[in-house]
Amino acid sequence: MIDPSTLDFDKSGGLIPVVVQDAATLQVLMLAYMDRAALEETIASGEATFFSRSRGGRWRKGETSGDRLHLVSMTPDCDADSLVLKVRPVGNACHLNRISCFGDEDAPGLGRIARLEATIAERATADPAASWTARLLAEGPKRAAQKVGEEGVETALAGAAGPDEELASEAADLIYHLLVLLRSRQMVFQHVLDELARRSQTAKDSG
């Protein structure tokens, strides 16, 4: 974990700006400030704690709302005078009861993959009679793999001869079932991204 003594709190009068980001979706949740005491409390507690300029003191996110931000990692910028805080949010980050303080949209781009993974994880404990996701997971990896095969064929057919809307729809079905298959094997999409990163690095190393 980061050493508070390596950060430059003096540049901005004892405070450093902190960009808070969902570790799973990479969605920016909020901008806040920390003094050294708030940073030390964040490290010690594992929950995001900030300095409120309006209140003139420290506050831990969720003390009144119950919406917590569990620390995953923190990274300083190149000047050591600001931080990116990656967190696992419980509830909403914004006091307006929104996921993010920066608009009311859900996770953008590939962040929707992580949001879908979270939904699949929640459905895993649902009644299989009432949830397709729960039923697939209950039937095991072979059933989920079968669905990936079926959806892969349908996606290929749509790609070869179908309109754009059909291809997008079939591709969405394929991605959903792939995530269910990964979940059934106790894996997440990050494992796929890690493999892609490994291949990219191998290609660079080989020239």
Protein backbone atom coordinates (compact mmCIF):
# COMPACT_ATOMS: atom_id res chain seq x y z
CA MET A 1 0.00 0.00 0.00
CA ILE A 2 1.11 3.56 -0.61
CA ASP A 3 3.28 5.42 1.93
CA PRO A 4 1.54 8.73 2.84
CA SER A 5 4.91 10.39 3.35
CA THR A 6 5.62 10.07 -0.37
CA LEU A 7 2.69 12.33 -1.32
CA ASP A 8 2.83 16.11 -1.66
CA PHE A 9 0.05 17.46 0.55
CA ASP A 10 1.63 20.93 0.80
CA LYS A 11 1.08 21.92 -2.83
CA SER A 12 -2.68 22.38 -2.29
CA GLY A 13 -2.73 23.51 1.30
CA GLY A 14 -2.72 20.11 2.97
CA LEU A 15 -5.20 18.39 0.64
CA ILE A 16 -4.86 16.20 -2.43
CA PRO A 17 -7.63 15.54 -4.99
CA VAL A 18 -8.81 11.95 -5.25
CA VAL A 19 -10.53 10.47 -8.29
CA VAL A 20 -12.66 7.52 -7.14
CA GLN A 21 -13.18 4.75 -9.70
CA ASP A 22 -15.14 1.50 -9.62
CA ALA A 23 -12.48 -1.20 -9.74
CA ALA A 24 -14.70 -3.56 -11.76
CA THR A 25 -16.32 -1.25 -14.32
CA LEU A 26 -13.68 1.54 -14.26
CA GLN A 27 -16.54 4.07 -14.08
CA VAL A 28 -15.53 7.33 -12.41
CA LEU A 29 -17.73 7.62 -9.34
CA MET A 30 -16.71 10.87 -7.66
CA LEU A 31 -14.02 13.46 -6.99
CA ALA A 32 -13.08 14.08 -3.37
CA TYR A 33 -10.18 15.31 -1.25
CA MET A 34 -7.96 13.78 1.40
CA ASP A 35 -5.64 15.18 4.00
CA ARG A 36 -2.96 12.93 5.41
CA ALA A 37 -5.17 11.77 8.29
CA ALA A 38 -7.97 10.75 5.89
CA LEU A 39 -5.50 8.83 3.76
CA GLU A 40 -4.09 7.03 6.77
CA GLU A 41 -7.60 6.13 7.96
CA THR A 42 -8.49 4.84 4.48
CA ILE A 43 -5.44 2.56 4.52
CA ALA A 44 -6.11 1.37 8.08
CA SER A 45 -9.86 0.77 7.66
CA GLY A 46 -10.01 -0.38 4.05
CA GLU A 47 -12.89 2.04 3.44
CA ALA A 48 -12.63 5.34 1.58
CA THR A 49 -12.36 8.27 4.00
CA PHE A 50 -12.11 11.87 2.82
CA PHE A 51 -11.71 15.44 4.04
CA SER A 52 -14.84 17.53 3.57
CA ARG A 53 -14.00 21.11 2.69
CA SER A 54 -17.55 22.25 3.52
CA ARG A 55 -17.62 20.52 6.91
CA GLY A 56 -14.00 21.24 7.68
CA GLY A 57 -13.22 17.69 8.76
CA ARG A 58 -12.89 14.09 7.77
CA TRP A 59 -15.82 11.89 6.73
CA ARG A 60 -16.03 8.24 5.83
CA LYS A 61 -18.26 7.53 2.86
CA GLY A 62 -21.44 5.82 4.03
CA GLU A 63 -21.52 6.99 7.64
CA THR A 64 -25.07 8.25 7.16
CA SER A 65 -26.19 6.60 3.91
CA GLY A 66 -24.64 3.17 4.38
CA ASP A 67 -23.24 3.35 0.83
CA ARG A 68 -19.65 2.24 1.36
CA LEU A 69 -16.56 2.36 -0.83
CA HIS A 70 -14.24 -0.54 -0.05
CA LEU A 71 -10.65 0.12 -1.01
CA VAL A 72 -9.10 -2.03 -3.74
CA SER A 73 -6.05 0.01 -4.72
CA MET A 74 -4.67 3.54 -4.79
CA THR A 75 -2.27 5.01 -7.33
CA PRO A 76 -0.60 8.43 -7.17
CA ASP A 77 -0.01 10.54 -10.26
CA CYS A 78 3.48 11.35 -11.57
CA ASP A 79 3.75 14.46 -9.34
CA ALA A 80 2.56 12.60 -6.23
CA ASP A 81 -0.04 15.30 -5.55
CA SER A 82 -3.25 13.42 -6.50
CA LEU A 83 -4.62 9.90 -6.30
CA VAL A 84 -6.78 7.47 -8.21
CA LEU A 85 -8.70 5.34 -5.73
CA LYS A 86 -10.13 2.10 -7.11
CA VAL A 87 -12.95 0.82 -4.95
CA ARG A 88 -15.63 -1.82 -4.66
CA PRO A 89 -18.80 0.22 -4.06
CA VAL A 90 -21.65 -1.00 -1.90
CA GLY A 91 -24.63 1.10 -2.93
CA ASN A 92 -24.37 4.43 -4.74
CA ALA A 93 -21.45 6.85 -4.67
CA CYS A 94 -23.50 10.01 -5.24
CA HIS A 95 -25.56 11.71 -2.52
CA LEU A 96 -28.31 12.11 -5.14
CA ASN A 97 -28.73 8.31 -5.01
CA ARG A 98 -26.96 7.76 -8.32
CA ILE A 99 -24.17 5.33 -9.09
CA SER A 100 -21.83 8.16 -10.06
CA CYS A 101 -21.64 11.87 -9.30
CA PHE A 102 -20.87 12.38 -12.99
CA GLY A 103 -24.29 11.82 -14.53
CA ASP A 104 -26.93 9.16 -14.06
CA GLU A 105 -25.77 6.70 -16.71
CA ASP A 106 -24.52 3.26 -15.75
CA ALA A 107 -21.00 2.03 -16.45
CA PRO A 108 -19.95 2.97 -20.00
CA GLY A 109 -18.24 0.85 -22.62
CA LEU A 110 -16.66 -2.36 -21.43
CA GLY A 111 -17.76 -1.47 -17.92
CA ARG A 112 -21.11 -3.00 -18.85
CA ILE A 113 -19.40 -6.38 -19.00
CA ALA A 114 -18.49 -6.08 -15.33
CA ARG A 115 -21.99 -4.85 -14.48
CA LEU A 116 -23.49 -7.87 -16.27
CA GLU A 117 -21.08 -10.15 -14.39
CA ALA A 118 -22.34 -8.68 -11.12
CA THR A 119 -25.94 -9.35 -12.17
CA ILE A 120 -25.08 -12.93 -13.08
CA ALA A 121 -23.43 -13.40 -9.69
CA GLU A 122 -26.56 -12.09 -7.95
CA ARG A 123 -28.84 -14.37 -9.97
CA ALA A 124 -26.73 -17.41 -9.06
CA THR A 125 -28.62 -17.70 -5.77
CA ALA A 126 -32.07 -17.18 -7.30
CA ASP A 127 -34.69 -19.87 -7.79
CA PRO A 128 -33.75 -21.82 -10.98
CA ALA A 129 -37.46 -22.07 -11.76
CA ALA A 130 -37.70 -18.30 -11.93
CA SER A 131 -34.29 -17.35 -13.35
CA TRP A 132 -32.72 -18.55 -16.60
CA THR A 133 -29.29 -17.56 -15.30
CA ALA A 134 -29.76 -19.53 -12.09
CA ARG A 135 -30.98 -22.55 -14.06
CA LEU A 136 -27.96 -22.48 -16.39
CA LEU A 137 -25.57 -22.23 -13.46
CA ALA A 138 -27.37 -25.02 -11.61
CA GLU A 139 -27.05 -27.30 -14.65
CA GLY A 140 -23.29 -26.78 -14.74
CA PRO A 141 -20.56 -25.82 -17.22
CA LYS A 142 -21.52 -28.36 -19.89
CA ARG A 143 -24.98 -26.81 -20.31
CA ALA A 144 -23.56 -23.29 -20.36
CA ALA A 145 -20.93 -24.40 -22.89
CA GLN A 146 -23.67 -25.88 -25.08
CA LYS A 147 -25.46 -22.52 -25.09
CA VAL A 148 -22.23 -20.71 -26.01
CA GLY A 149 -21.89 -23.07 -28.97
CA GLU A 150 -25.47 -22.47 -30.07
CA GLU A 151 -25.20 -18.71 -29.73
CA GLY A 152 -21.83 -18.74 -31.50
CA VAL A 153 -23.40 -20.39 -34.54
CA GLU A 154 -26.32 -17.94 -34.51
CA THR A 155 -23.90 -15.02 -34.25
CA ALA A 156 -21.87 -16.34 -37.17
CA LEU A 157 -24.98 -16.75 -39.31
CA ALA A 158 -26.15 -13.23 -38.46
CA GLY A 159 -22.70 -11.91 -39.29
CA ALA A 160 -22.67 -13.64 -42.64
CA ALA A 161 -26.12 -12.69 -43.87
CA GLY A 162 -28.19 -10.83 -41.28
CA PRO A 163 -28.77 -7.11 -40.74
CA ASP A 164 -26.65 -5.15 -38.25
CA GLU A 165 -29.39 -5.21 -35.60
CA GLU A 166 -29.57 -9.02 -35.72
CA LEU A 167 -25.79 -9.36 -35.45
CA ALA A 168 -25.71 -7.04 -32.44
CA SER A 169 -28.53 -8.97 -30.76
CA GLU A 170 -26.96 -12.39 -31.37
CA ALA A 171 -23.54 -11.12 -30.24
CA ALA A 172 -25.14 -9.84 -27.02
CA ASP A 173 -26.64 -13.29 -26.41
CA LEU A 174 -23.25 -14.87 -27.05
CA ILE A 175 -21.47 -12.56 -24.60
CA TYR A 176 -24.09 -13.15 -21.92
CA HIS A 177 -23.81 -16.93 -22.20
CA LEU A 178 -20.01 -16.73 -22.29
CA LEU A 179 -20.06 -14.82 -19.00
CA VAL A 180 -22.38 -17.44 -17.52
CA LEU A 181 -19.97 -20.17 -18.65
CA LEU A 182 -17.05 -18.34 -17.07
CA ARG A 183 -19.02 -17.94 -13.85
CA SER A 184 -19.82 -21.66 -13.83
CA ARG A 185 -16.08 -22.32 -13.95
CA GLN A 186 -15.37 -19.78 -11.16
CA MET A 187 -13.82 -17.41 -13.68
CA VAL A 188 -14.48 -13.80 -14.70
CA PHE A 189 -13.95 -11.82 -17.90
CA GLN A 190 -10.77 -10.36 -16.41
CA HIS A 191 -9.17 -13.75 -17.00
CA VAL A 192 -9.85 -13.27 -20.72
CA LEU A 193 -8.44 -9.74 -20.65
CA ASP A 194 -5.34 -11.01 -18.83
CA GLU A 195 -4.79 -13.57 -21.59
CA LEU A 196 -5.15 -10.89 -24.26
CA ALA A 197 -2.62 -8.74 -22.40
CA ARG A 198 -0.24 -11.69 -22.18
CA ARG A 199 -0.52 -12.28 -25.92
CA SER A 200 0.07 -8.61 -26.64
CA GLN A 201 3.19 -8.61 -24.51
CA THR A 202 4.43 -11.79 -26.18
CA ALA A 203 3.96 -10.17 -29.59
CA LYS A 204 5.92 -7.11 -28.48
CA ASP A 205 8.73 -9.22 -27.04
CA SER A 206 9.02 -11.23 -30.26
CA GLY A 207 9.32 -8.08 -32.31
